[in-house]
Amino acid sequence: MTQYERMVKGLIYDPGDPEIMKEQSAYWERAWQFNQLKPADFAEKQKYMKEVFAECGEHCYIELPFRANWGGAHLHLGDGVYANFNLTLVDDGHIYVGDKVMFGPNVTITTGNHPIEPELRARGLQYNKDVRIGDNVWIGAGAMIMPGVTIGNNAVIGAGSVVTRDIPENVVAVGNPCRVMRPISERDRQYFYRSEEIDWENLTSVEEA
């Protein structure tokens, strides 16, 4: 089994293997060019995302700069995904993102990890575990999502959280390590901030606008 095959299978492997480096390095130049684009270069941004990302749905937008080990080649985006500045991906493994997901600034998602065993780590070996984020999830600013984590639909991850374990759907989760604080409830349909009420009658959906 080659080192590349070991990487794909999620086994411990050598990320400096020549076959891997040859394929990975092809994305570095394109990622650098992507980050040089101007805010108004919308078509060029979309072109990069459609060509380089493993999957990219409709109406996705990423604020630059954007950092990724493989340039996003292992990133799967649904529809309507928005990422604020400095989204950082260790995308040696795959990252699956559902529809209408929002990332605050300075979010990090890492699929790569290193063995605890000192000898293996000294040899620079690593392994990757895929990350999965459901639909309509909000990841707050500065959050870090660790290898192998799954986040359920509609979940909210608080700013600065370190997500080391799976988070179920329809909850607010915060902290280091990130823990479920409470379910999303009917109160959230009444108030958007503390005791400030949502004026539903004045809100027009995108479809109606």
N, C-alpha and C. Protein backbone atom coordinates (compact mmCIF):
# COMPACT_ATOMS: atom_id res chain seq x y z
N MET A 1 0.84 -1.19 0.00
CA MET A 1 0.00 0.00 0.00
C MET A 1 0.88 1.25 0.00
N THR A 2 0.59 2.18 -0.91
CA THR A 2 1.39 3.40 -0.98
C THR A 2 1.02 4.35 0.15
N GLN A 3 1.87 5.36 0.36
CA GLN A 3 1.58 6.35 1.38
C GLN A 3 0.31 7.13 1.01
N TYR A 4 0.10 7.38 -0.26
CA TYR A 4 -1.11 8.07 -0.70
C TYR A 4 -2.35 7.24 -0.37
N GLU A 5 -2.27 5.94 -0.63
CA GLU A 5 -3.40 5.05 -0.31
C GLU A 5 -3.65 5.01 1.19
N ARG A 6 -2.60 5.03 1.98
CA ARG A 6 -2.75 5.06 3.44
C ARG A 6 -3.41 6.37 3.87
N MET A 7 -3.04 7.47 3.24
CA MET A 7 -3.65 8.76 3.55
C MET A 7 -5.15 8.72 3.29
N VAL A 8 -5.53 8.21 2.13
CA VAL A 8 -6.94 8.15 1.75
C VAL A 8 -7.75 7.28 2.70
N LYS A 9 -7.13 6.22 3.21
CA LYS A 9 -7.83 5.29 4.11
C LYS A 9 -7.87 5.76 5.56
N GLY A 10 -7.23 6.89 5.87
CA GLY A 10 -7.23 7.38 7.23
C GLY A 10 -6.25 6.68 8.14
N LEU A 11 -5.24 6.04 7.55
CA LEU A 11 -4.21 5.35 8.33
C LEU A 11 -3.04 6.30 8.60
N ILE A 12 -2.15 5.89 9.48
CA ILE A 12 -0.94 6.67 9.72
C ILE A 12 -0.08 6.62 8.47
N TYR A 13 0.41 7.79 8.04
CA TYR A 13 1.17 7.85 6.79
C TYR A 13 2.19 8.98 6.87
N ASP A 14 3.02 9.04 5.84
CA ASP A 14 4.06 10.06 5.75
C ASP A 14 3.58 11.17 4.81
N PRO A 15 3.22 12.36 5.33
CA PRO A 15 2.73 13.43 4.46
C PRO A 15 3.79 14.02 3.55
N GLY A 16 5.06 13.70 3.83
CA GLY A 16 6.14 14.19 2.98
C GLY A 16 6.51 13.25 1.85
N ASP A 17 5.72 12.20 1.66
CA ASP A 17 5.97 11.25 0.58
C ASP A 17 5.97 11.97 -0.77
N PRO A 18 6.91 11.67 -1.67
CA PRO A 18 7.01 12.40 -2.94
C PRO A 18 5.74 12.38 -3.78
N GLU A 19 5.03 11.25 -3.82
CA GLU A 19 3.79 11.19 -4.59
C GLU A 19 2.76 12.16 -4.04
N ILE A 20 2.65 12.21 -2.72
CA ILE A 20 1.70 13.11 -2.08
C ILE A 20 2.10 14.56 -2.31
N MET A 21 3.37 14.85 -2.10
CA MET A 21 3.84 16.22 -2.25
C MET A 21 3.65 16.74 -3.67
N LYS A 22 3.86 15.87 -4.66
CA LYS A 22 3.69 16.28 -6.05
C LYS A 22 2.25 16.70 -6.32
N GLU A 23 1.31 15.90 -5.83
CA GLU A 23 -0.09 16.24 -6.06
C GLU A 23 -0.51 17.46 -5.25
N GLN A 24 -0.08 17.50 -3.99
CA GLN A 24 -0.49 18.60 -3.11
C GLN A 24 0.08 19.94 -3.57
N SER A 25 1.32 19.94 -3.99
CA SER A 25 1.97 21.21 -4.35
C SER A 25 1.32 21.88 -5.55
N ALA A 26 0.62 21.09 -6.37
CA ALA A 26 -0.06 21.67 -7.54
C ALA A 26 -1.15 22.65 -7.12
N TYR A 27 -1.68 22.48 -5.89
CA TYR A 27 -2.74 23.36 -5.42
C TYR A 27 -2.21 24.63 -4.76
N TRP A 28 -0.95 24.61 -4.31
CA TRP A 28 -0.42 25.75 -3.55
C TRP A 28 -0.39 27.03 -4.37
N GLU A 29 0.07 26.95 -5.61
CA GLU A 29 0.16 28.13 -6.46
C GLU A 29 -1.23 28.69 -6.74
N ARG A 30 -2.18 27.80 -7.02
CA ARG A 30 -3.54 28.26 -7.31
C ARG A 30 -4.17 28.91 -6.08
N ALA A 31 -3.91 28.34 -4.90
CA ALA A 31 -4.45 28.93 -3.67
C ALA A 31 -3.85 30.31 -3.42
N TRP A 32 -2.57 30.47 -3.71
CA TRP A 32 -1.94 31.78 -3.56
C TRP A 32 -2.59 32.79 -4.50
N GLN A 33 -2.81 32.38 -5.73
CA GLN A 33 -3.45 33.27 -6.71
C GLN A 33 -4.87 33.63 -6.28
N PHE A 34 -5.58 32.67 -5.74
CA PHE A 34 -6.94 32.90 -5.24
C PHE A 34 -6.94 34.02 -4.20
N ASN A 35 -5.96 34.00 -3.32
CA ASN A 35 -5.89 34.99 -2.25
C ASN A 35 -5.45 36.37 -2.73
N GLN A 36 -5.00 36.48 -3.97
CA GLN A 36 -4.64 37.79 -4.51
C GLN A 36 -5.81 38.48 -5.19
N LEU A 37 -6.93 37.80 -5.31
CA LEU A 37 -8.08 38.38 -6.00
C LEU A 37 -8.66 39.56 -5.22
N LYS A 38 -9.20 40.52 -5.96
CA LYS A 38 -9.82 41.69 -5.36
C LYS A 38 -11.26 41.36 -4.95
N PRO A 39 -11.83 42.14 -4.02
CA PRO A 39 -13.21 41.89 -3.60
C PRO A 39 -14.20 41.84 -4.76
N ALA A 40 -13.94 42.63 -5.80
CA ALA A 40 -14.87 42.68 -6.93
C ALA A 40 -14.68 41.54 -7.92
N ASP A 41 -13.64 40.71 -7.74
CA ASP A 41 -13.36 39.62 -8.68
C ASP A 41 -14.26 38.41 -8.40
N PHE A 42 -15.54 38.65 -8.40
CA PHE A 42 -16.49 37.61 -8.02
C PHE A 42 -16.43 36.40 -8.94
N ALA A 43 -16.39 36.63 -10.25
CA ALA A 43 -16.39 35.53 -11.22
C ALA A 43 -15.14 34.66 -11.05
N GLU A 44 -14.00 35.29 -10.82
CA GLU A 44 -12.74 34.54 -10.65
C GLU A 44 -12.77 33.71 -9.37
N LYS A 45 -13.37 34.26 -8.32
CA LYS A 45 -13.51 33.50 -7.07
C LYS A 45 -14.37 32.26 -7.28
N GLN A 46 -15.50 32.46 -7.96
CA GLN A 46 -16.39 31.34 -8.22
C GLN A 46 -15.71 30.28 -9.09
N LYS A 47 -14.92 30.72 -10.04
CA LYS A 47 -14.21 29.79 -10.92
C LYS A 47 -13.27 28.91 -10.12
N TYR A 48 -12.52 29.51 -9.20
CA TYR A 48 -11.59 28.73 -8.36
C TYR A 48 -12.37 27.71 -7.53
N MET A 49 -13.43 28.15 -6.89
CA MET A 49 -14.17 27.27 -6.00
C MET A 49 -14.79 26.10 -6.76
N LYS A 50 -15.29 26.37 -7.96
CA LYS A 50 -15.92 25.31 -8.74
C LYS A 50 -14.88 24.32 -9.29
N GLU A 51 -13.71 24.84 -9.64
CA GLU A 51 -12.69 23.98 -10.24
C GLU A 51 -11.85 23.22 -9.22
N VAL A 52 -11.57 23.83 -8.07
CA VAL A 52 -10.63 23.24 -7.12
C VAL A 52 -11.33 22.45 -6.02
N PHE A 53 -12.39 22.98 -5.47
CA PHE A 53 -13.05 22.29 -4.37
C PHE A 53 -13.61 20.94 -4.84
N ALA A 54 -13.64 19.99 -3.95
CA ALA A 54 -14.19 18.68 -4.29
C ALA A 54 -15.64 18.81 -4.73
N GLU A 55 -16.39 19.67 -4.05
CA GLU A 55 -17.76 20.00 -4.44
C GLU A 55 -18.02 21.44 -4.01
N CYS A 56 -18.78 22.16 -4.81
CA CYS A 56 -19.17 23.52 -4.44
C CYS A 56 -20.56 23.79 -4.99
N GLY A 57 -21.51 23.99 -4.08
CA GLY A 57 -22.88 24.24 -4.49
C GLY A 57 -23.07 25.65 -5.01
N GLU A 58 -24.31 26.05 -5.13
CA GLU A 58 -24.65 27.38 -5.64
C GLU A 58 -24.64 28.41 -4.51
N HIS A 59 -24.32 29.66 -4.89
CA HIS A 59 -24.41 30.81 -3.98
C HIS A 59 -23.50 30.65 -2.75
N CYS A 60 -22.30 30.15 -2.99
CA CYS A 60 -21.30 30.06 -1.92
C CYS A 60 -20.33 31.23 -2.04
N TYR A 61 -19.87 31.71 -0.89
CA TYR A 61 -18.95 32.87 -0.91
C TYR A 61 -17.94 32.74 0.23
N ILE A 62 -16.69 33.01 -0.09
CA ILE A 62 -15.62 32.97 0.91
C ILE A 62 -14.89 34.31 0.89
N GLU A 63 -14.84 34.97 2.05
CA GLU A 63 -14.06 36.18 2.18
C GLU A 63 -12.58 35.79 2.25
N LEU A 64 -11.75 36.52 1.55
CA LEU A 64 -10.31 36.24 1.57
C LEU A 64 -9.64 37.03 2.69
N PRO A 65 -8.54 36.49 3.26
CA PRO A 65 -7.80 35.32 2.83
C PRO A 65 -8.43 34.00 3.28
N PHE A 66 -8.06 32.97 2.54
CA PHE A 66 -8.52 31.60 2.76
C PHE A 66 -7.29 30.71 2.76
N ARG A 67 -7.14 29.87 3.78
CA ARG A 67 -5.96 29.01 3.88
C ARG A 67 -6.39 27.54 3.91
N ALA A 68 -5.69 26.72 3.14
CA ALA A 68 -6.01 25.29 3.12
C ALA A 68 -4.79 24.49 2.65
N ASN A 69 -4.50 23.42 3.36
CA ASN A 69 -3.34 22.58 3.01
C ASN A 69 -3.39 22.09 1.57
N TRP A 70 -4.59 21.74 1.12
CA TRP A 70 -4.78 21.25 -0.24
C TRP A 70 -5.58 22.24 -1.07
N GLY A 71 -5.60 23.49 -0.66
CA GLY A 71 -6.30 24.52 -1.42
C GLY A 71 -7.81 24.38 -1.46
N GLY A 72 -8.33 23.47 -0.62
CA GLY A 72 -9.76 23.18 -0.64
C GLY A 72 -10.12 22.00 -1.53
N ALA A 73 -9.13 21.27 -2.01
CA ALA A 73 -9.39 20.14 -2.92
C ALA A 73 -10.19 19.02 -2.25
N HIS A 74 -10.18 18.99 -0.92
CA HIS A 74 -10.94 17.97 -0.19
C HIS A 74 -12.13 18.59 0.55
N LEU A 75 -12.55 19.77 0.11
CA LEU A 75 -13.66 20.48 0.73
C LEU A 75 -14.93 20.29 -0.09
N HIS A 76 -16.00 19.90 0.57
CA HIS A 76 -17.30 19.67 -0.07
C HIS A 76 -18.29 20.68 0.50
N LEU A 77 -18.75 21.63 -0.32
CA LEU A 77 -19.68 22.65 0.12
C LEU A 77 -21.06 22.42 -0.48
N GLY A 78 -22.09 22.56 0.36
CA GLY A 78 -23.46 22.55 -0.14
C GLY A 78 -23.80 23.91 -0.73
N ASP A 79 -25.09 24.23 -0.77
CA ASP A 79 -25.54 25.51 -1.31
C ASP A 79 -25.55 26.58 -0.22
N GLY A 80 -25.30 27.83 -0.63
CA GLY A 80 -25.49 28.96 0.26
C GLY A 80 -24.55 29.02 1.44
N VAL A 81 -23.32 28.54 1.28
CA VAL A 81 -22.33 28.57 2.36
C VAL A 81 -21.60 29.91 2.35
N TYR A 82 -21.45 30.50 3.53
CA TYR A 82 -20.70 31.76 3.66
C TYR A 82 -19.60 31.58 4.68
N ALA A 83 -18.38 31.98 4.32
CA ALA A 83 -17.23 31.93 5.23
C ALA A 83 -16.62 33.31 5.33
N ASN A 84 -16.48 33.82 6.53
CA ASN A 84 -15.86 35.11 6.75
C ASN A 84 -14.34 34.97 6.67
N PHE A 85 -13.62 36.09 6.91
CA PHE A 85 -12.18 36.14 6.73
C PHE A 85 -11.43 35.06 7.50
N ASN A 86 -10.34 34.59 6.88
CA ASN A 86 -9.36 33.72 7.55
C ASN A 86 -9.89 32.33 7.90
N LEU A 87 -10.77 31.79 7.05
CA LEU A 87 -11.12 30.39 7.22
C LEU A 87 -9.87 29.56 6.93
N THR A 88 -9.50 28.71 7.88
CA THR A 88 -8.29 27.90 7.76
C THR A 88 -8.66 26.42 7.80
N LEU A 89 -8.25 25.68 6.77
CA LEU A 89 -8.57 24.27 6.67
C LEU A 89 -7.30 23.43 6.61
N VAL A 90 -7.21 22.46 7.49
CA VAL A 90 -6.21 21.41 7.33
C VAL A 90 -6.95 20.28 6.64
N ASP A 91 -7.03 20.41 5.32
CA ASP A 91 -7.91 19.54 4.52
C ASP A 91 -7.15 18.38 3.89
N ASP A 92 -6.27 17.77 4.67
CA ASP A 92 -5.63 16.53 4.19
C ASP A 92 -6.67 15.43 4.11
N GLY A 93 -7.62 15.43 5.03
CA GLY A 93 -8.81 14.59 4.93
C GLY A 93 -9.94 15.42 4.34
N HIS A 94 -11.13 14.84 4.27
CA HIS A 94 -12.26 15.52 3.65
C HIS A 94 -13.08 16.29 4.68
N ILE A 95 -13.62 17.43 4.25
CA ILE A 95 -14.48 18.27 5.07
C ILE A 95 -15.79 18.43 4.33
N TYR A 96 -16.87 17.94 4.93
CA TYR A 96 -18.19 17.98 4.31
C TYR A 96 -19.03 19.04 5.01
N VAL A 97 -19.52 20.02 4.25
CA VAL A 97 -20.28 21.14 4.79
C VAL A 97 -21.64 21.16 4.10
N GLY A 98 -22.71 21.21 4.88
CA GLY A 98 -24.06 21.19 4.33
C GLY A 98 -24.50 22.52 3.76
N ASP A 99 -25.80 22.66 3.54
CA ASP A 99 -26.37 23.88 2.98
C ASP A 99 -26.51 24.98 4.03
N LYS A 100 -26.38 26.23 3.60
CA LYS A 100 -26.65 27.41 4.42
C LYS A 100 -25.85 27.42 5.72
N VAL A 101 -24.61 27.01 5.64
CA VAL A 101 -23.70 27.05 6.79
C VAL A 101 -22.97 28.39 6.80
N MET A 102 -22.80 28.97 7.99
CA MET A 102 -22.09 30.23 8.14
C MET A 102 -20.87 30.03 9.04
N PHE A 103 -19.72 30.53 8.58
CA PHE A 103 -18.50 30.50 9.37
C PHE A 103 -18.13 31.93 9.75
N GLY A 104 -17.94 32.19 11.03
CA GLY A 104 -17.43 33.48 11.47
C GLY A 104 -15.96 33.62 11.09
N PRO A 105 -15.37 34.80 11.36
CA PRO A 105 -13.95 34.98 11.03
C PRO A 105 -13.04 34.10 11.88
N ASN A 106 -11.92 33.72 11.29
CA ASN A 106 -10.85 33.00 12.00
C ASN A 106 -11.26 31.62 12.50
N VAL A 107 -12.12 30.96 11.76
CA VAL A 107 -12.48 29.58 12.09
C VAL A 107 -11.43 28.63 11.52
N THR A 108 -11.09 27.61 12.29
CA THR A 108 -10.16 26.57 11.85
C THR A 108 -10.84 25.21 11.88
N ILE A 109 -10.72 24.48 10.78
CA ILE A 109 -11.20 23.09 10.72
C ILE A 109 -10.01 22.22 10.36
N THR A 110 -9.71 21.26 11.20
CA THR A 110 -8.55 20.41 10.92
C THR A 110 -8.96 18.94 10.87
N THR A 111 -8.55 18.28 9.80
CA THR A 111 -8.75 16.83 9.69
C THR A 111 -7.48 16.07 10.03
N GLY A 112 -6.34 16.76 9.99
CA GLY A 112 -5.05 16.10 10.22
C GLY A 112 -4.71 16.03 11.70
N ASN A 113 -4.10 14.93 12.10
CA ASN A 113 -3.68 14.75 13.49
C ASN A 113 -2.38 13.96 13.51
N HIS A 114 -1.69 13.98 14.63
CA HIS A 114 -0.43 13.27 14.77
C HIS A 114 -0.52 12.26 15.91
N PRO A 115 0.14 11.11 15.80
CA PRO A 115 0.09 10.11 16.86
C PRO A 115 0.65 10.66 18.17
N ILE A 116 0.09 10.22 19.27
CA ILE A 116 0.61 10.58 20.59
C ILE A 116 1.96 9.90 20.82
N GLU A 117 2.15 8.72 20.25
CA GLU A 117 3.38 7.95 20.45
C GLU A 117 4.58 8.77 19.95
N PRO A 118 5.56 9.05 20.84
CA PRO A 118 6.63 9.99 20.49
C PRO A 118 7.47 9.60 19.27
N GLU A 119 7.78 8.31 19.11
CA GLU A 119 8.64 7.90 18.00
C GLU A 119 7.96 8.17 16.66
N LEU A 120 6.67 7.85 16.57
CA LEU A 120 5.94 8.08 15.32
C LEU A 120 5.83 9.58 15.03
N ARG A 121 5.59 10.36 16.07
CA ARG A 121 5.46 11.80 15.88
C ARG A 121 6.79 12.42 15.46
N ALA A 122 7.90 11.91 16.02
CA ALA A 122 9.22 12.43 15.66
C ALA A 122 9.55 12.15 14.19
N ARG A 123 8.92 11.13 13.62
CA ARG A 123 9.12 10.82 12.21
C ARG A 123 8.22 11.65 11.30
N GLY A 124 7.42 12.56 11.88
CA GLY A 124 6.58 13.45 11.09
C GLY A 124 5.34 12.78 10.51
N LEU A 125 4.95 11.64 11.08
CA LEU A 125 3.80 10.92 10.54
C LEU A 125 2.49 11.53 11.04
N GLN A 126 1.43 11.32 10.29
CA GLN A 126 0.13 11.83 10.70
C GLN A 126 -0.97 10.89 10.20
N TYR A 127 -2.20 11.22 10.59
CA TYR A 127 -3.38 10.54 10.04
C TYR A 127 -4.49 11.57 9.94
N ASN A 128 -5.51 11.26 9.15
CA ASN A 128 -6.59 12.21 8.90
C ASN A 128 -7.94 11.56 9.20
N LYS A 129 -8.84 12.35 9.79
CA LYS A 129 -10.21 11.90 10.03
C LYS A 129 -11.16 12.99 9.54
N ASP A 130 -12.10 12.60 8.70
CA ASP A 130 -12.99 13.55 8.05
C ASP A 130 -13.86 14.30 9.06
N VAL A 131 -14.23 15.52 8.69
CA VAL A 131 -15.13 16.36 9.49
C VAL A 131 -16.42 16.55 8.71
N ARG A 132 -17.55 16.50 9.41
CA ARG A 132 -18.86 16.64 8.77
C ARG A 132 -19.67 17.69 9.52
N ILE A 133 -20.18 18.66 8.77
CA ILE A 133 -20.99 19.74 9.32
C ILE A 133 -22.33 19.73 8.61
N GLY A 134 -23.41 19.67 9.37
CA GLY A 134 -24.74 19.54 8.78
C GLY A 134 -25.27 20.83 8.17
N ASP A 135 -26.55 20.84 7.84
CA ASP A 135 -27.19 22.00 7.22
C ASP A 135 -27.47 23.10 8.25
N ASN A 136 -27.42 24.35 7.78
CA ASN A 136 -27.87 25.50 8.56
C ASN A 136 -27.14 25.63 9.90
N VAL A 137 -25.85 25.31 9.90
CA VAL A 137 -25.03 25.41 11.11
C VAL A 137 -24.33 26.76 11.12
N TRP A 138 -24.19 27.34 12.29
CA TRP A 138 -23.46 28.60 12.47
C TRP A 138 -22.25 28.31 13.34
N ILE A 139 -21.06 28.53 12.79
CA ILE A 139 -19.81 28.35 13.53
C ILE A 139 -19.29 29.73 13.90
N GLY A 140 -19.23 30.05 15.19
CA GLY A 140 -18.84 31.37 15.65
C GLY A 140 -17.37 31.68 15.44
N ALA A 141 -17.04 32.96 15.54
CA ALA A 141 -15.68 33.45 15.29
C ALA A 141 -14.66 32.75 16.17
N GLY A 142 -13.55 32.36 15.54
CA GLY A 142 -12.44 31.79 16.27
C GLY A 142 -12.63 30.36 16.74
N ALA A 143 -13.72 29.72 16.33
CA ALA A 143 -13.94 28.32 16.74
C ALA A 143 -12.95 27.41 16.04
N MET A 144 -12.62 26.30 16.70
CA MET A 144 -11.73 25.30 16.14
C MET A 144 -12.43 23.94 16.17
N ILE A 145 -12.47 23.29 15.02
CA ILE A 145 -13.14 22.00 14.89
C ILE A 145 -12.08 20.94 14.62
N MET A 146 -12.03 19.94 15.48
CA MET A 146 -10.96 18.95 15.47
C MET A 146 -11.30 17.74 14.59
N PRO A 147 -10.29 16.91 14.27
CA PRO A 147 -10.49 15.77 13.37
C PRO A 147 -11.58 14.82 13.83
N GLY A 148 -12.36 14.34 12.86
CA GLY A 148 -13.34 13.30 13.10
C GLY A 148 -14.67 13.78 13.67
N VAL A 149 -14.84 15.08 13.86
CA VAL A 149 -16.03 15.61 14.49
C VAL A 149 -17.19 15.70 13.49
N THR A 150 -18.40 15.43 13.99
CA THR A 150 -19.63 15.67 13.25
C THR A 150 -20.48 16.67 14.01
N ILE A 151 -20.99 17.68 13.31
CA ILE A 151 -21.86 18.68 13.91
C ILE A 151 -23.23 18.58 13.23
N GLY A 152 -24.27 18.43 14.03
CA GLY A 152 -25.60 18.18 13.49
C GLY A 152 -26.28 19.41 12.93
N ASN A 153 -27.36 19.18 12.18
CA ASN A 153 -28.12 20.25 11.54
C ASN A 153 -28.57 21.31 12.55
N ASN A 154 -28.53 22.57 12.12
CA ASN A 154 -29.05 23.71 12.87
C ASN A 154 -28.28 24.06 14.14
N ALA A 155 -27.18 23.38 14.41
CA ALA A 155 -26.42 23.66 15.62
C ALA A 155 -25.74 25.02 15.53
N VAL A 156 -25.52 25.62 16.69
CA VAL A 156 -24.77 26.87 16.82
C VAL A 156 -23.55 26.58 17.69
N ILE A 157 -22.37 26.88 17.16
CA ILE A 157 -21.12 26.69 17.90
C ILE A 157 -20.62 28.06 18.33
N GLY A 158 -20.51 28.28 19.63
CA GLY A 158 -20.14 29.58 20.15
C GLY A 158 -18.74 30.00 19.77
N ALA A 159 -18.52 31.32 19.72
CA ALA A 159 -17.22 31.88 19.36
C ALA A 159 -16.14 31.35 20.30
N GLY A 160 -14.98 31.02 19.72
CA GLY A 160 -13.85 30.56 20.51
C GLY A 160 -13.92 29.13 20.99
N SER A 161 -14.95 28.41 20.61
CA SER A 161 -15.09 27.02 21.08
C SER A 161 -14.08 26.11 20.42
N VAL A 162 -13.70 25.04 21.13
CA VAL A 162 -12.84 24.01 20.59
C VAL A 162 -13.65 22.71 20.57
N VAL A 163 -14.04 22.31 19.36
CA VAL A 163 -14.97 21.19 19.20
C VAL A 163 -14.18 19.90 19.04
N THR A 164 -14.16 19.09 20.08
CA THR A 164 -13.38 17.86 20.08
C THR A 164 -14.25 16.61 19.96
N ARG A 165 -15.56 16.77 20.13
CA ARG A 165 -16.49 15.64 20.06
C ARG A 165 -17.71 16.03 19.24
N ASP A 166 -18.47 15.02 18.82
CA ASP A 166 -19.67 15.27 18.02
C ASP A 166 -20.66 16.16 18.77
N ILE A 167 -21.34 17.02 18.01
CA ILE A 167 -22.37 17.90 18.55
C ILE A 167 -23.69 17.55 17.87
N PRO A 168 -24.75 17.29 18.65
CA PRO A 168 -26.02 16.90 18.03
C PRO A 168 -26.70 18.08 17.33
N GLU A 169 -27.77 17.80 16.63
CA GLU A 169 -28.49 18.85 15.92
C GLU A 169 -29.36 19.66 16.89
N ASN A 170 -29.69 20.88 16.46
CA ASN A 170 -30.64 21.75 17.17
C ASN A 170 -30.21 22.11 18.59
N VAL A 171 -28.92 22.40 18.77
CA VAL A 171 -28.42 22.81 20.08
C VAL A 171 -27.48 23.99 19.93
N VAL A 172 -27.29 24.70 21.05
CA VAL A 172 -26.23 25.69 21.18
C VAL A 172 -25.13 25.06 22.00
N ALA A 173 -23.90 25.05 21.47
CA ALA A 173 -22.77 24.42 22.15
C ALA A 173 -21.62 25.42 22.22
N VAL A 174 -20.98 25.49 23.38
CA VAL A 174 -19.91 26.46 23.57
C VAL A 174 -18.81 25.87 24.45
N GLY A 175 -17.64 26.52 24.43
CA GLY A 175 -16.61 26.23 25.41
C GLY A 175 -15.42 25.47 24.88
N ASN A 176 -14.46 25.24 25.76
CA ASN A 176 -13.24 24.49 25.49
C ASN A 176 -13.01 23.50 26.63
N PRO A 177 -13.32 22.21 26.37
CA PRO A 177 -13.88 21.66 25.13
C PRO A 177 -15.34 22.04 24.97
N CYS A 178 -15.80 22.07 23.72
CA CYS A 178 -17.15 22.49 23.40
C CYS A 178 -18.17 21.49 23.95
N ARG A 179 -19.15 22.02 24.69
CA ARG A 179 -20.22 21.20 25.26
C ARG A 179 -21.58 21.81 24.94
N VAL A 180 -22.59 20.96 24.89
CA VAL A 180 -23.95 21.44 24.65
C VAL A 180 -24.39 22.28 25.84
N MET A 181 -24.81 23.52 25.58
CA MET A 181 -25.29 24.41 26.63
C MET A 181 -26.80 24.28 26.80
N ARG A 182 -27.51 24.20 25.66
CA ARG A 182 -28.97 24.11 25.73
C ARG A 182 -29.51 23.76 24.35
N PRO A 183 -30.75 23.27 24.29
CA PRO A 183 -31.38 23.07 22.98
C PRO A 183 -31.86 24.40 22.41
N ILE A 184 -31.97 24.47 21.10
CA ILE A 184 -32.65 25.59 20.46
C ILE A 184 -34.14 25.42 20.72
N SER A 185 -34.80 26.46 21.25
CA SER A 185 -36.15 26.31 21.76
C SER A 185 -37.10 27.35 21.17
N GLU A 186 -38.35 27.32 21.63
CA GLU A 186 -39.35 28.28 21.19
C GLU A 186 -38.97 29.70 21.60
N ARG A 187 -38.21 29.83 22.69
CA ARG A 187 -37.77 31.17 23.10
C ARG A 187 -36.91 31.82 22.03
N ASP A 188 -36.16 30.99 21.29
CA ASP A 188 -35.32 31.52 20.23
C ASP A 188 -36.14 32.03 19.05
N ARG A 189 -37.39 31.60 18.96
CA ARG A 189 -38.28 32.13 17.94
C ARG A 189 -38.88 33.47 18.37
N GLN A 190 -38.78 33.78 19.66
CA GLN A 190 -39.35 35.03 20.17
C GLN A 190 -38.30 36.13 20.32
N TYR A 191 -37.09 35.75 20.78
CA TYR A 191 -36.05 36.74 21.06
C TYR A 191 -34.80 36.46 20.23
N PHE A 192 -34.22 37.53 19.64
CA PHE A 192 -32.99 37.35 18.88
C PHE A 192 -31.76 37.75 19.66
N TYR A 193 -31.94 38.59 20.70
CA TYR A 193 -30.81 39.00 21.54
C TYR A 193 -31.35 39.38 22.91
N ARG A 194 -31.00 38.59 23.91
CA ARG A 194 -31.48 38.83 25.26
C ARG A 194 -33.00 39.00 25.27
N SER A 195 -33.50 40.18 25.65
CA SER A 195 -34.96 40.36 25.71
C SER A 195 -35.51 41.13 24.52
N GLU A 196 -34.72 41.26 23.43
CA GLU A 196 -35.18 41.96 22.24
C GLU A 196 -35.93 40.98 21.33
N GLU A 197 -37.19 41.33 21.05
CA GLU A 197 -38.06 40.41 20.32
C GLU A 197 -37.84 40.48 18.81
N ILE A 198 -38.06 39.34 18.17
CA ILE A 198 -37.99 39.24 16.71
C ILE A 198 -39.29 39.81 16.13
N ASP A 199 -39.16 40.78 15.23
CA ASP A 199 -40.35 41.36 14.59
C ASP A 199 -40.65 40.60 13.31
N TRP A 200 -41.17 39.42 13.48
CA TRP A 200 -41.42 38.51 12.36
C TRP A 200 -42.21 39.18 11.24
N GLU A 201 -43.19 40.05 11.62
CA GLU A 201 -44.07 40.64 10.62
C GLU A 201 -43.33 41.57 9.67
N ASN A 202 -42.15 42.05 10.08
CA ASN A 202 -41.38 42.98 9.24
C ASN A 202 -40.22 42.31 8.51
N LEU A 203 -40.06 41.02 8.72
CA LEU A 203 -38.96 40.33 8.07
C LEU A 203 -39.43 39.69 6.78
N THR A 204 -38.75 40.02 5.69
CA THR A 204 -39.08 39.49 4.37
C THR A 204 -38.01 38.49 3.98
N SER A 205 -38.43 37.32 3.56
CA SER A 205 -37.48 36.29 3.16
C SER A 205 -36.80 36.68 1.88
N VAL A 206 -35.67 36.05 1.61
CA VAL A 206 -34.94 36.29 0.37
C VAL A 206 -35.81 35.96 -0.83
N GLU A 207 -36.60 34.91 -0.71
CA GLU A 207 -37.46 34.49 -1.82
C GLU A 207 -38.53 35.53 -2.13
N GLU A 208 -38.99 36.28 -1.09
CA GLU A 208 -40.04 37.25 -1.28
C GLU A 208 -39.51 38.62 -1.71
N ALA A 209 -38.20 38.85 -1.45
CA ALA A 209 -37.64 40.18 -1.72
C ALA A 209 -37.58 40.47 -3.21
